[in-house]
């Protein structure tokens, strides 16, 4: 069996409830192998896919009407930090990952989510 053969499949489910103006008011997700029981509720999500054929990113960014600006600022800070971690794991580029973390920290301070 090669490393590209599928040994197992796992489902990730996302449900978005919209109000009459088609704005998200409820986001729920469930991942088969997450170790969590049942659906988890969320106020925001950022999902990105790399299109294999088009060689471009497809994104879905949603947040509920109850998401506060302060929560969005912290969510964005944490997303930037985690992108630096993912980038380092994928590329082993420690220097650029460090620069990404420094930018995330600068953003966090400017957004007043870090002291």
PDB file of N, CA and C in Angstrom:
ATOM      1  N   UNK A   1       0.848  -1.179   0.000  1.00  0.00           N
ATOM      2  CA  UNK A   1       0.000   0.000   0.000  1.00  0.00           C
ATOM      3  C   UNK A   1       0.894   1.243   0.000  1.00  0.00           C
ATOM      4  N   UNK A   2       0.673   2.142  -0.948  1.00  0.00           N
ATOM      5  CA  UNK A   2       1.472   3.370  -0.993  1.00  0.00           C
ATOM      6  C   UNK A   2       0.859   4.423  -0.079  1.00  0.00           C
ATOM      7  N   UNK A   3       1.607   5.484   0.167  1.00  0.00           N
ATOM      8  CA  UNK A   3       1.120   6.546   1.057  1.00  0.00           C
ATOM      9  C   UNK A   3      -0.033   7.325   0.440  1.00  0.00           C
ATOM     10  N   UNK A   4      -0.282   7.187  -0.865  1.00  0.00           N
ATOM     11  CA  UNK A   4      -1.390   7.895  -1.519  1.00  0.00           C
ATOM     12  C   UNK A   4      -2.661   7.063  -1.598  1.00  0.00           C
ATOM     13  N   UNK A   5      -2.613   5.800  -1.186  1.00  0.00           N
ATOM     14  CA  UNK A   5      -3.806   4.969  -1.173  1.00  0.00           C
ATOM     15  C   UNK A   5      -4.683   5.352   0.008  1.00  0.00           C
ATOM     16  N   UNK A   6      -5.978   5.412  -0.210  1.00  0.00           N
ATOM     17  CA  UNK A   6      -6.905   5.760   0.864  1.00  0.00           C
ATOM     18  C   UNK A   6      -7.110   4.547   1.757  1.00  0.00           C
ATOM     19  N   UNK A   7      -6.742   4.689   3.016  1.00  0.00           N
ATOM     20  CA  UNK A   7      -6.894   3.615   3.991  1.00  0.00           C
ATOM     21  C   UNK A   7      -8.176   3.787   4.798  1.00  0.00           C
ATOM     22  N   UNK A   8      -8.667   5.017   4.883  1.00  0.00           N
ATOM     23  CA  UNK A   8      -9.856   5.325   5.679  1.00  0.00           C
ATOM     24  C   UNK A   8     -10.430   6.638   5.196  1.00  0.00           C
ATOM     25  N   UNK A   9     -11.715   6.807   5.319  1.00  0.00           N
ATOM     26  CA  UNK A   9     -12.345   8.093   5.006  1.00  0.00           C
ATOM     27  C   UNK A   9     -13.010   8.623   6.258  1.00  0.00           C
ATOM     28  N   UNK A  10     -13.060   9.941   6.375  1.00  0.00           N
ATOM     29  CA  UNK A  10     -13.658  10.590   7.527  1.00  0.00           C
ATOM     30  C   UNK A  10     -14.518  11.753   7.042  1.00  0.00           C
ATOM     31  N   UNK A  11     -15.685  11.906   7.622  1.00  0.00           N
ATOM     32  CA  UNK A  11     -16.596  12.977   7.217  1.00  0.00           C
ATOM     33  C   UNK A  11     -16.516  14.158   8.163  1.00  0.00           C
ATOM     34  N   UNK A  12     -16.574  15.349   7.580  1.00  0.00           N
ATOM     35  CA  UNK A  12     -16.703  16.603   8.321  1.00  0.00           C
ATOM     36  C   UNK A  12     -17.976  17.255   7.813  1.00  0.00           C
ATOM     37  N   UNK A  13     -18.855  17.604   8.726  1.00  0.00           N
ATOM     38  CA  UNK A  13     -20.153  18.174   8.365  1.00  0.00           C
ATOM     39  C   UNK A  13     -20.267  19.591   8.936  1.00  0.00           C
ATOM     40  N   UNK A  14     -20.745  20.514   8.115  1.00  0.00           N
ATOM     41  CA  UNK A  14     -20.975  21.899   8.550  1.00  0.00           C
ATOM     42  C   UNK A  14     -22.395  22.278   8.166  1.00  0.00           C
ATOM     43  N   UNK A  15     -23.151  22.763   9.140  1.00  0.00           N
ATOM     44  CA  UNK A  15     -24.506  23.237   8.868  1.00  0.00           C
ATOM     45  C   UNK A  15     -24.580  24.708   9.234  1.00  0.00           C
ATOM     46  N   UNK A  16     -25.141  25.504   8.340  1.00  0.00           N
ATOM     47  CA  UNK A  16     -25.260  26.940   8.542  1.00  0.00           C
ATOM     48  C   UNK A  16     -26.738  27.307   8.487  1.00  0.00           C
ATOM     49  N   UNK A  17     -27.220  27.888   9.577  1.00  0.00           N
ATOM     50  CA  UNK A  17     -28.593  28.379   9.628  1.00  0.00           C
ATOM     51  C   UNK A  17     -28.613  29.860   9.276  1.00  0.00           C
ATOM     52  N   UNK A  18     -29.456  30.216   8.313  1.00  0.00           N
ATOM     53  CA  UNK A  18     -29.542  31.600   7.852  1.00  0.00           C
ATOM     54  C   UNK A  18     -30.852  32.235   8.288  1.00  0.00           C
ATOM     55  N   UNK A  19     -30.811  33.545   8.540  1.00  0.00           N
ATOM     56  CA  UNK A  19     -32.047  34.260   8.837  1.00  0.00           C
ATOM     57  C   UNK A  19     -32.733  34.653   7.524  1.00  0.00           C
ATOM     58  N   UNK A  20     -33.820  35.395   7.610  1.00  0.00           N
ATOM     59  CA  UNK A  20     -34.581  35.763   6.406  1.00  0.00           C
ATOM     60  C   UNK A  20     -33.786  36.655   5.459  1.00  0.00           C
ATOM     61  N   UNK A  21     -32.739  37.320   5.971  1.00  0.00           N
ATOM     62  CA  UNK A  21     -31.881  38.156   5.125  1.00  0.00           C
ATOM     63  C   UNK A  21     -30.657  37.387   4.610  1.00  0.00           C
ATOM     64  N   UNK A  22     -30.675  36.067   4.847  1.00  0.00           N
ATOM     65  CA  UNK A  22     -29.606  35.160   4.420  1.00  0.00           C
ATOM     66  C   UNK A  22     -28.265  35.437   5.105  1.00  0.00           C
ATOM     67  N   UNK A  23     -28.330  35.941   6.340  1.00  0.00           N
ATOM     68  CA  UNK A  23     -27.133  36.115   7.164  1.00  0.00           C
ATOM     69  C   UNK A  23     -27.032  34.925   8.114  1.00  0.00           C
ATOM     70  N   UNK A  24     -25.833  34.396   8.320  1.00  0.00           N
ATOM     71  CA  UNK A  24     -25.687  33.265   9.236  1.00  0.00           C
ATOM     72  C   UNK A  24     -26.072  33.635  10.667  1.00  0.00           C
ATOM     73  N   UNK A  25     -26.910  32.815  11.262  1.00  0.00           N
ATOM     74  CA  UNK A  25     -27.281  33.007  12.668  1.00  0.00           C
ATOM     75  C   UNK A  25     -26.889  31.805  13.522  1.00  0.00           C
ATOM     76  N   UNK A  26     -26.551  30.692  12.860  1.00  0.00           N
ATOM     77  CA  UNK A  26     -26.118  29.505  13.590  1.00  0.00           C
ATOM     78  C   UNK A  26     -25.171  28.704  12.694  1.00  0.00           C
ATOM     79  N   UNK A  27     -24.023  28.336  13.260  1.00  0.00           N
ATOM     80  CA  UNK A  27     -23.059  27.493  12.561  1.00  0.00           C
ATOM     81  C   UNK A  27     -22.783  26.297  13.469  1.00  0.00           C
ATOM     82  N   UNK A  28     -22.986  25.107  12.933  1.00  0.00           N
ATOM     83  CA  UNK A  28     -22.699  23.886  13.670  1.00  0.00           C
ATOM     84  C   UNK A  28     -21.804  23.005  12.817  1.00  0.00           C
ATOM     85  N   UNK A  29     -20.893  22.298  13.479  1.00  0.00           N
ATOM     86  CA  UNK A  29     -20.002  21.398  12.755  1.00  0.00           C
ATOM     87  C   UNK A  29     -19.827  20.111  13.540  1.00  0.00           C
ATOM     88  N   UNK A  30     -19.455  19.081  12.800  1.00  0.00           N
ATOM     89  CA  UNK A  30     -19.190  17.795  13.419  1.00  0.00           C
ATOM     90  C   UNK A  30     -18.131  17.102  12.563  1.00  0.00           C
ATOM     91  N   UNK A  31     -17.136  16.544  13.212  1.00  0.00           N
ATOM     92  CA  UNK A  31     -16.090  15.797  12.519  1.00  0.00           C
ATOM     93  C   UNK A  31     -16.055  14.393  13.090  1.00  0.00           C
ATOM     94  N   UNK A  32     -16.159  13.436  12.222  1.00  0.00           N
ATOM     95  CA  UNK A  32     -16.234  12.036  12.606  1.00  0.00           C
ATOM     96  C   UNK A  32     -15.090  11.605  13.533  1.00  0.00           C
ATOM     97  N   UNK A  33     -13.889  12.059  13.280  1.00  0.00           N
ATOM     98  CA  UNK A  33     -12.725  11.632  14.058  1.00  0.00           C
ATOM     99  C   UNK A  33     -12.209  12.701  15.022  1.00  0.00           C
ATOM    100  N   UNK A  34     -13.068  13.645  15.406  1.00  0.00           N
ATOM    101  CA  UNK A  34     -12.621  14.744  16.267  1.00  0.00           C
ATOM    102  C   UNK A  34     -12.456  14.337  17.722  1.00  0.00           C
ATOM    103  N   UNK A  35     -13.088  13.244  18.107  1.00  0.00           N
ATOM    104  CA  UNK A  35     -13.062  12.844  19.508  1.00  0.00           C
ATOM    105  C   UNK A  35     -14.149  13.529  20.325  1.00  0.00           C
ATOM    106  N   UNK A  36     -14.941  14.373  19.677  1.00  0.00           N
ATOM    107  CA  UNK A  36     -16.027  15.073  20.348  1.00  0.00           C
ATOM    108  C   UNK A  36     -17.342  14.391  20.020  1.00  0.00           C
ATOM    109  N   UNK A  37     -18.277  14.436  20.959  1.00  0.00           N
ATOM    110  CA  UNK A  37     -19.588  13.840  20.722  1.00  0.00           C
ATOM    111  C   UNK A  37     -20.555  14.878  20.186  1.00  0.00           C
ATOM    112  N   UNK A  38     -21.216  14.551  19.104  1.00  0.00           N
ATOM    113  CA  UNK A  38     -22.270  15.398  18.556  1.00  0.00           C
ATOM    114  C   UNK A  38     -21.766  16.660  17.893  1.00  0.00           C
ATOM    115  N   UNK A  39     -22.725  17.523  17.561  1.00  0.00           N
ATOM    116  CA  UNK A  39     -22.423  18.780  16.882  1.00  0.00           C
ATOM    117  C   UNK A  39     -21.863  19.804  17.868  1.00  0.00           C
ATOM    118  N   UNK A  40     -20.957  20.634  17.367  1.00  0.00           N
ATOM    119  CA  UNK A  40     -20.412  21.746  18.145  1.00  0.00           C
ATOM    120  C   UNK A  40     -20.890  23.028  17.490  1.00  0.00           C
ATOM    121  N   UNK A  41     -21.300  23.996  18.311  1.00  0.00           N
ATOM    122  CA  UNK A  41     -21.759  25.273  17.778  1.00  0.00           C
ATOM    123  C   UNK A  41     -20.593  26.255  17.711  1.00  0.00           C
ATOM    124  N   UNK A  42     -20.613  27.082  16.711  1.00  0.00           N
ATOM    125  CA  UNK A  42     -19.552  28.054  16.488  1.00  0.00           C
ATOM    126  C   UNK A  42     -20.163  29.388  16.092  1.00  0.00           C
ATOM    127  N   UNK A  43     -19.436  30.471  16.323  1.00  0.00           N
ATOM    128  CA  UNK A  43     -19.885  31.784  15.880  1.00  0.00           C
ATOM    129  C   UNK A  43     -19.244  32.199  14.570  1.00  0.00           C
ATOM    130  N   UNK A  44     -18.141  31.541  14.196  1.00  0.00           N
ATOM    131  CA  UNK A  44     -17.440  31.925  12.964  1.00  0.00           C
ATOM    132  C   UNK A  44     -16.647  30.749  12.426  1.00  0.00           C
ATOM    133  N   UNK A  45     -16.342  30.823  11.138  1.00  0.00           N
ATOM    134  CA  UNK A  45     -15.510  29.803  10.503  1.00  0.00           C
ATOM    135  C   UNK A  45     -14.772  30.408   9.323  1.00  0.00           C
ATOM    136  N   UNK A  46     -13.577  29.888   9.091  1.00  0.00           N
ATOM    137  CA  UNK A  46     -12.801  30.215   7.895  1.00  0.00           C
ATOM    138  C   UNK A  46     -12.358  28.881   7.326  1.00  0.00           C
ATOM    139  N   UNK A  47     -12.726  28.638   6.088  1.00  0.00           N
ATOM    140  CA  UNK A  47     -12.419  27.361   5.455  1.00  0.00           C
ATOM    141  C   UNK A  47     -11.780  27.645   4.105  1.00  0.00           C
ATOM    142  N   UNK A  48     -10.652  27.024   3.846  1.00  0.00           N
ATOM    143  CA  UNK A  48      -9.961  27.246   2.577  1.00  0.00           C
ATOM    144  C   UNK A  48      -9.628  25.902   1.940  1.00  0.00           C
ATOM    145  N   UNK A  49      -9.831  25.819   0.645  1.00  0.00           N
ATOM    146  CA  UNK A  49      -9.490  24.643  -0.136  1.00  0.00           C
ATOM    147  C   UNK A  49      -8.538  25.058  -1.250  1.00  0.00           C
ATOM    148  N   UNK A  50      -7.533  24.235  -1.506  1.00  0.00           N
ATOM    149  CA  UNK A  50      -6.640  24.464  -2.644  1.00  0.00           C
ATOM    150  C   UNK A  50      -7.195  23.663  -3.810  1.00  0.00           C
ATOM    151  N   UNK A  51      -7.587  24.372  -4.867  1.00  0.00           N
ATOM    152  CA  UNK A  51      -8.132  23.719  -6.054  1.00  0.00           C
ATOM    153  C   UNK A  51      -6.992  23.095  -6.854  1.00  0.00           C
ATOM    154  N   UNK A  52      -7.012  21.800  -6.954  1.00  0.00           N
ATOM    155  CA  UNK A  52      -5.956  21.029  -7.605  1.00  0.00           C
ATOM    156  C   UNK A  52      -5.809  21.386  -9.091  1.00  0.00           C
ATOM    157  N   UNK A  53      -6.919  21.611  -9.756  1.00  0.00           N
ATOM    158  CA  UNK A  53      -6.900  21.898 -11.193  1.00  0.00           C
ATOM    159  C   UNK A  53      -6.598  23.367 -11.464  1.00  0.00           C
ATOM    160  N   UNK A  54      -7.342  24.250 -10.818  1.00  0.00           N
ATOM    161  CA  UNK A  54      -7.201  25.697 -11.049  1.00  0.00           C
ATOM    162  C   UNK A  54      -5.964  26.284 -10.384  1.00  0.00           C
ATOM    163  N   UNK A  55      -5.409  25.532  -9.421  1.00  0.00           N
ATOM    164  CA  UNK A  55      -4.262  26.010  -8.646  1.00  0.00           C
ATOM    165  C   UNK A  55      -4.553  27.380  -8.014  1.00  0.00           C
ATOM    166  N   UNK A  56      -5.667  27.418  -7.304  1.00  0.00           N
ATOM    167  CA  UNK A  56      -6.065  28.635  -6.604  1.00  0.00           C
ATOM    168  C   UNK A  56      -6.841  28.238  -5.347  1.00  0.00           C
ATOM    169  N   UNK A  57      -7.014  29.201  -4.473  1.00  0.00           N
ATOM    170  CA  UNK A  57      -7.696  28.968  -3.206  1.00  0.00           C
ATOM    171  C   UNK A  57      -9.172  29.323  -3.317  1.00  0.00           C
ATOM    172  N   UNK A  58      -9.990  28.423  -2.820  1.00  0.00           N
ATOM    173  CA  UNK A  58     -11.425  28.682  -2.688  1.00  0.00           C
ATOM    174  C   UNK A  58     -11.695  28.814  -1.190  1.00  0.00           C
ATOM    175  N   UNK A  59     -12.425  29.861  -0.801  1.00  0.00           N
ATOM    176  CA  UNK A  59     -12.615  30.140   0.623  1.00  0.00           C
ATOM    177  C   UNK A  59     -14.085  30.310   0.968  1.00  0.00           C
ATOM    178  N   UNK A  60     -14.380  29.939   2.200  1.00  0.00           N
ATOM    179  CA  UNK A  60     -15.691  30.214   2.787  1.00  0.00           C
ATOM    180  C   UNK A  60     -15.425  30.838   4.147  1.00  0.00           C
ATOM    181  N   UNK A  61     -15.780  32.086   4.313  1.00  0.00           N
ATOM    182  CA  UNK A  61     -15.635  32.789   5.590  1.00  0.00           C
ATOM    183  C   UNK A  61     -17.037  33.207   6.039  1.00  0.00           C
ATOM    184  N   UNK A  62     -17.450  32.707   7.173  1.00  0.00           N
ATOM    185  CA  UNK A  62     -18.778  33.029   7.688  1.00  0.00           C
ATOM    186  C   UNK A  62     -18.688  33.368   9.164  1.00  0.00           C
ATOM    187  N   UNK A  63     -19.550  34.266   9.611  1.00  0.00           N
ATOM    188  CA  UNK A  63     -19.679  34.558  11.038  1.00  0.00           C
ATOM    189  C   UNK A  63     -21.133  34.891  11.310  1.00  0.00           C
ATOM    190  N   UNK A  64     -21.568  34.531  12.506  1.00  0.00           N
ATOM    191  CA  UNK A  64     -22.968  34.747  12.866  1.00  0.00           C
ATOM    192  C   UNK A  64     -23.191  36.198  13.259  1.00  0.00           C
ATOM    193  N   UNK A  65     -24.445  36.566  13.293  1.00  0.00           N
ATOM    194  CA  UNK A  65     -24.822  37.931  13.657  1.00  0.00           C
ATOM    195  C   UNK A  65     -24.467  38.251  15.107  1.00  0.00           C
ATOM    196  N   UNK A  66     -24.254  37.236  15.947  1.00  0.00           N
ATOM    197  CA  UNK A  66     -23.912  37.494  17.352  1.00  0.00           C
ATOM    198  C   UNK A  66     -22.407  37.583  17.604  1.00  0.00           C
ATOM    199  N   UNK A  67     -21.600  37.352  16.580  1.00  0.00           N
ATOM    200  CA  UNK A  67     -20.133  37.450  16.732  1.00  0.00           C
ATOM    201  C   UNK A  67     -19.764  38.911  16.955  1.00  0.00           C
ATOM    202  N   UNK A  68     -19.079  39.192  18.050  1.00  0.00           N
ATOM    203  CA  UNK A  68     -18.696  40.574  18.341  1.00  0.00           C
ATOM    204  C   UNK A  68     -17.412  40.937  17.597  1.00  0.00           C
ATOM    205  N   UNK A  69     -17.161  42.214  17.471  1.00  0.00           N
ATOM    206  CA  UNK A  69     -15.922  42.682  16.839  1.00  0.00           C
ATOM    207  C   UNK A  69     -14.719  42.176  17.628  1.00  0.00           C
ATOM    208  N   UNK A  70     -14.795  42.227  18.950  1.00  0.00           N
ATOM    209  CA  UNK A  70     -13.693  41.762  19.791  1.00  0.00           C
ATOM    210  C   UNK A  70     -13.421  40.272  19.569  1.00  0.00           C
ATOM    211  N   UNK A  71     -14.479  39.476  19.460  1.00  0.00           N
ATOM    212  CA  UNK A  71     -14.307  38.051  19.192  1.00  0.00           C
ATOM    213  C   UNK A  71     -13.683  37.833  17.808  1.00  0.00           C
ATOM    214  N   UNK A  72     -14.110  38.612  16.824  1.00  0.00           N
ATOM    215  CA  UNK A  72     -13.553  38.483  15.473  1.00  0.00           C
ATOM    216  C   UNK A  72     -12.078  38.867  15.455  1.00  0.00           C
ATOM    217  N   UNK A  73     -11.716  39.885  16.222  1.00  0.00           N
ATOM    218  CA  UNK A  73     -10.312  40.271  16.291  1.00  0.00           C
ATOM    219  C   UNK A  73      -9.472  39.144  16.884  1.00  0.00           C
ATOM    220  N   UNK A  74      -9.941  38.522  17.951  1.00  0.00           N
ATOM    221  CA  UNK A  74      -9.208  37.426  18.578  1.00  0.00           C
ATOM    222  C   UNK A  74      -9.184  36.196  17.668  1.00  0.00           C
ATOM    223  N   UNK A  75     -10.306  35.905  17.022  1.00  0.00           N
ATOM    224  CA  UNK A  75     -10.405  34.787  16.077  1.00  0.00           C
ATOM    225  C   UNK A  75      -9.410  34.970  14.930  1.00  0.00           C
ATOM    226  N   UNK A  76      -9.314  36.171  14.411  1.00  0.00           N
ATOM    227  CA  UNK A  76      -8.387  36.456  13.321  1.00  0.00           C
ATOM    228  C   UNK A  76      -6.944  36.321  13.799  1.00  0.00           C
ATOM    229  N   UNK A  77      -6.634  36.837  14.985  1.00  0.00           N
ATOM    230  CA  UNK A  77      -5.295  36.692  15.552  1.00  0.00           C
ATOM    231  C   UNK A  77      -4.922  35.210  15.671  1.00  0.00           C
ATOM    232  N   UNK A  78      -5.812  34.413  16.277  1.00  0.00           N
ATOM    233  CA  UNK A  78      -5.513  32.993  16.460  1.00  0.00           C
ATOM    234  C   UNK A  78      -5.377  32.264  15.125  1.00  0.00           C
ATOM    235  N   UNK A  79      -6.168  32.668  14.140  1.00  0.00           N
ATOM    236  CA  UNK A  79      -6.074  32.058  12.813  1.00  0.00           C
ATOM    237  C   UNK A  79      -4.732  32.377  12.169  1.00  0.00           C
ATOM    238  N   UNK A  80      -4.292  33.621  12.287  1.00  0.00           N
ATOM    239  CA  UNK A  80      -2.982  33.991  11.744  1.00  0.00           C
ATOM    240  C   UNK A  80      -1.871  33.184  12.413  1.00  0.00           C
ATOM    241  N   UNK A  81      -1.937  33.047  13.737  1.00  0.00           N
ATOM    242  CA  UNK A  81      -0.931  32.259  14.467  1.00  0.00           C
ATOM    243  C   UNK A  81      -0.934  30.803  14.004  1.00  0.00           C
ATOM    244  N   UNK A  82      -2.117  30.232  13.874  1.00  0.00           N
ATOM    245  CA  UNK A  82      -2.180  28.821  13.487  1.00  0.00           C
ATOM    246  C   UNK A  82      -1.751  28.622  12.037  1.00  0.00           C
ATOM    247  N   UNK A  83      -1.963  29.618  11.185  1.00  0.00           N
ATOM    248  CA  UNK A  83      -1.479  29.525   9.802  1.00  0.00           C
ATOM    249  C   UNK A  83       0.046  29.461   9.782  1.00  0.00           C
ATOM    250  N   UNK A  84       0.697  30.191  10.654  1.00  0.00           N
ATOM    251  CA  UNK A  84       2.160  30.147  10.738  1.00  0.00           C
ATOM    252  C   UNK A  84       2.621  28.754  11.152  1.00  0.00           C
ATOM    253  N   UNK A  85       1.914  28.153  12.112  1.00  0.00           N
ATOM    254  CA  UNK A  85       2.261  26.793  12.545  1.00  0.00           C
ATOM    255  C   UNK A  85       2.066  25.794  11.403  1.00  0.00           C
ATOM    256  N   UNK A  86       0.940  25.900  10.705  1.00  0.00           N
ATOM    257  CA  UNK A  86       0.660  24.996   9.579  1.00  0.00           C
ATOM    258  C   UNK A  86       1.695  25.172   8.481  1.00  0.00           C
ATOM    259  N   UNK A  87       2.028  26.417   8.188  1.00  0.00           N
ATOM    260  CA  UNK A  87       3.016  26.698   7.146  1.00  0.00           C
ATOM    261  C   UNK A  87       4.367  26.064   7.497  1.00  0.00           C
ATOM    262  N   UNK A  88       4.754  26.183   8.758  1.00  0.00           N
ATOM    263  CA  UNK A  88       6.039  25.603   9.167  1.00  0.00           C
ATOM    264  C   UNK A  88       6.027  24.086   9.072  1.00  0.00           C
ATOM    265  N   UNK A  89       4.930  23.452   9.512  1.00  0.00           N
ATOM    266  CA  UNK A  89       4.834  21.991   9.413  1.00  0.00           C
ATOM    267  C   UNK A  89       4.883  21.531   7.955  1.00  0.00           C
ATOM    268  N   UNK A  90       4.253  22.302   7.058  1.00  0.00           N
ATOM    269  CA  UNK A  90       4.177  21.899   5.647  1.00  0.00           C
ATOM    270  C   UNK A  90       5.459  22.167   4.873  1.00  0.00           C
ATOM    271  N   UNK A  91       6.192  23.222   5.253  1.00  0.00           N
ATOM    272  CA  UNK A  91       7.348  23.640   4.446  1.00  0.00           C
ATOM    273  C   UNK A  91       8.688  23.519   5.158  1.00  0.00           C
ATOM    274  N   UNK A  92       8.674  23.415   6.463  1.00  0.00           N
ATOM    275  CA  UNK A  92       9.887  23.434   7.305  1.00  0.00           C
ATOM    276  C   UNK A  92      10.633  24.765   7.212  1.00  0.00           C
ATOM    277  N   UNK A  93       9.964  25.795   6.735  1.00  0.00           N
ATOM    278  CA  UNK A  93      10.563  27.131   6.609  1.00  0.00           C
ATOM    279  C   UNK A  93      10.389  27.861   7.941  1.00  0.00           C
ATOM    280  N   UNK A  94      11.367  27.713   8.813  1.00  0.00           N
ATOM    281  CA  UNK A  94      11.296  28.303  10.152  1.00  0.00           C
ATOM    282  C   UNK A  94      11.362  29.830  10.118  1.00  0.00           C
ATOM    283  N   UNK A  95      12.180  30.374   9.224  1.00  0.00           N
ATOM    284  CA  UNK A  95      12.366  31.828   9.169  1.00  0.00           C
ATOM    285  C   UNK A  95      11.082  32.544   8.751  1.00  0.00           C
ATOM    286  N   UNK A  96      10.460  32.086   7.669  1.00  0.00           N
ATOM    287  CA  UNK A  96       9.228  32.736   7.221  1.00  0.00           C
ATOM    288  C   UNK A  96       8.088  32.497   8.207  1.00  0.00           C
ATOM    289  N   UNK A  97       8.079  31.330   8.826  1.00  0.00           N
ATOM    290  CA  UNK A  97       7.070  31.046   9.856  1.00  0.00           C
ATOM    291  C   UNK A  97       7.230  31.996  11.033  1.00  0.00           C
ATOM    292  N   UNK A  98       8.471  32.262  11.395  1.00  0.00           N
ATOM    293  CA  UNK A  98       8.750  33.213  12.482  1.00  0.00           C
ATOM    294  C   UNK A  98       8.232  34.595  12.108  1.00  0.00           C
ATOM    295  N   UNK A  99       8.450  35.016  10.868  1.00  0.00           N
ATOM    296  CA  UNK A  99       7.951  36.327  10.412  1.00  0.00           C
ATOM    297  C   UNK A  99       6.433  36.377  10.455  1.00  0.00           C
ATOM    298  N   UNK A 100       5.789  35.267  10.085  1.00  0.00           N
ATOM    299  CA  UNK A 100       4.325  35.213  10.141  1.00  0.00           C
ATOM    300  C   UNK A 100       3.833  35.361  11.581  1.00  0.00           C
ATOM    301  N   UNK A 101       4.513  34.687  12.522  1.00  0.00           N
ATOM    302  CA  UNK A 101       4.135  34.806  13.942  1.00  0.00           C
ATOM    303  C   UNK A 101       4.347  36.228  14.448  1.00  0.00           C
ATOM    304  N   UNK A 102       5.439  36.848  14.017  1.00  0.00           N
ATOM    305  CA  UNK A 102       5.694  38.233  14.418  1.00  0.00           C
ATOM    306  C   UNK A 102       4.595  39.152  13.900  1.00  0.00           C
ATOM    307  N   UNK A 103       4.161  38.925  12.643  1.00  0.00           N
ATOM    308  CA  UNK A 103       3.054  39.723  12.110  1.00  0.00           C
ATOM    309  C   UNK A 103       1.778  39.470  12.911  1.00  0.00           C
ATOM    310  N   UNK A 104       1.503  38.195  13.224  1.00  0.00           N
ATOM    311  CA  UNK A 104       0.307  37.861  14.006  1.00  0.00           C
ATOM    312  C   UNK A 104       0.342  38.573  15.360  1.00  0.00           C
ATOM    313  N   UNK A 105       1.502  38.589  16.004  1.00  0.00           N
ATOM    314  CA  UNK A 105       1.623  39.284  17.289  1.00  0.00           C
ATOM    315  C   UNK A 105       1.428  40.785  17.133  1.00  0.00           C
ATOM    316  N   UNK A 106       1.973  41.353  16.054  1.00  0.00           N
ATOM    317  CA  UNK A 106       1.774  42.783  15.784  1.00  0.00           C
ATOM    318  C   UNK A 106       0.284  43.071  15.567  1.00  0.00           C
ATOM    319  N   UNK A 107      -0.379  42.205  14.816  1.00  0.00           N
ATOM    320  CA  UNK A 107      -1.825  42.345  14.604  1.00  0.00           C
ATOM    321  C   UNK A 107      -2.565  42.247  15.940  1.00  0.00           C
ATOM    322  N   UNK A 108      -2.195  41.226  16.751  1.00  0.00           N
ATOM    323  CA  UNK A 108      -2.857  41.027  18.039  1.00  0.00           C
ATOM    324  C   UNK A 108      -2.729  42.233  18.952  1.00  0.00           C
ATOM    325  N   UNK A 109      -1.562  42.873  18.940  1.00  0.00           N
ATOM    326  CA  UNK A 109      -1.365  44.072  19.752  1.00  0.00           C
ATOM    327  C   UNK A 109      -2.185  45.243  19.197  1.00  0.00           C
ATOM    328  N   UNK A 110      -2.160  45.414  17.878  1.00  0.00           N
ATOM    329  CA  UNK A 110      -2.917  46.517  17.257  1.00  0.00           C
ATOM    330  C   UNK A 110      -4.423  46.343  17.462  1.00  0.00           C
ATOM    331  N   UNK A 111      -4.882  45.087  17.443  1.00  0.00           N
ATOM    332  CA  UNK A 111      -6.301  44.806  17.651  1.00  0.00           C
ATOM    333  C   UNK A 111      -6.672  44.755  19.135  1.00  0.00           C
ATOM    334  N   UNK A 112      -5.640  44.926  19.989  1.00  0.00           N
ATOM    335  CA  UNK A 112      -5.817  44.937  21.447  1.00  0.00           C
ATOM    336  C   UNK A 112      -6.311  43.604  22.003  1.00  0.00           C
ATOM    337  N   UNK A 113      -5.886  42.502  21.359  1.00  0.00           N
ATOM    338  CA  UNK A 113      -6.188  41.186  21.916  1.00  0.00           C
ATOM    339  C   UNK A 113      -4.969  40.647  22.650  1.00  0.00           C
ATOM    340  N   UNK A 114      -3.809  41.301  22.469  1.00  0.00           N
ATOM    341  CA  UNK A 114      -2.589  40.993  23.207  1.00  0.00           C
ATOM    342  C   UNK A 114      -2.136  42.252  23.917  1.00  0.00           C
ATOM    343  N   UNK A 115      -1.448  42.063  25.016  1.00  0.00           N
ATOM    344  CA  UNK A 115      -0.931  43.227  25.753  1.00  0.00           C
ATOM    345  C   UNK A 115       0.499  43.479  25.379  1.00  0.00           C
TER     346      UNK A 115
END
